[in-house]
Amino acid sequence: MYYAYQDPRTPIWTKIVITIVVAYAFSPVDLIPDFIPILGYLDDLILLPIGIAFAIKIIPIPVLEDSRKKADSMLLTKKPKNWIAGSIIVLVRLIFIGWLIYLIYTFF
């Protein structure tokens, strides 16, 4: 979907759908909160694949084929790396683990 979004042949409404699907995938806000047992995760397991399938279905076929070729060739030549994003994720996890250790030592 990344390459299809960047392609100038992709219609604007398709780009809007792709943006909504990607935003929902990365959004911490869900339609059904995750703390509700079973139902909380069903929206991620059902709505997200439906959104992805719909977005792929409305991408024009020539754009979809070209995007798949670009993605395949990119994965064969080099693996995508984003050291900044990876470093931020590791830092957030370390802070969270440190916070948990602090809470454990404080309360026990």
Foldseek 3Di string as FASTA:
>chain_A
DVQLLVDPVWDPVLVVLVVVLVCQLPDQDDPADLVPPPVNCVCVVPVNVVSVVVSLVRRDPVSSVVVVVVVVVPVVPDDDDDVVVVVVVVVVVVVVVVVVVVVVVVVD
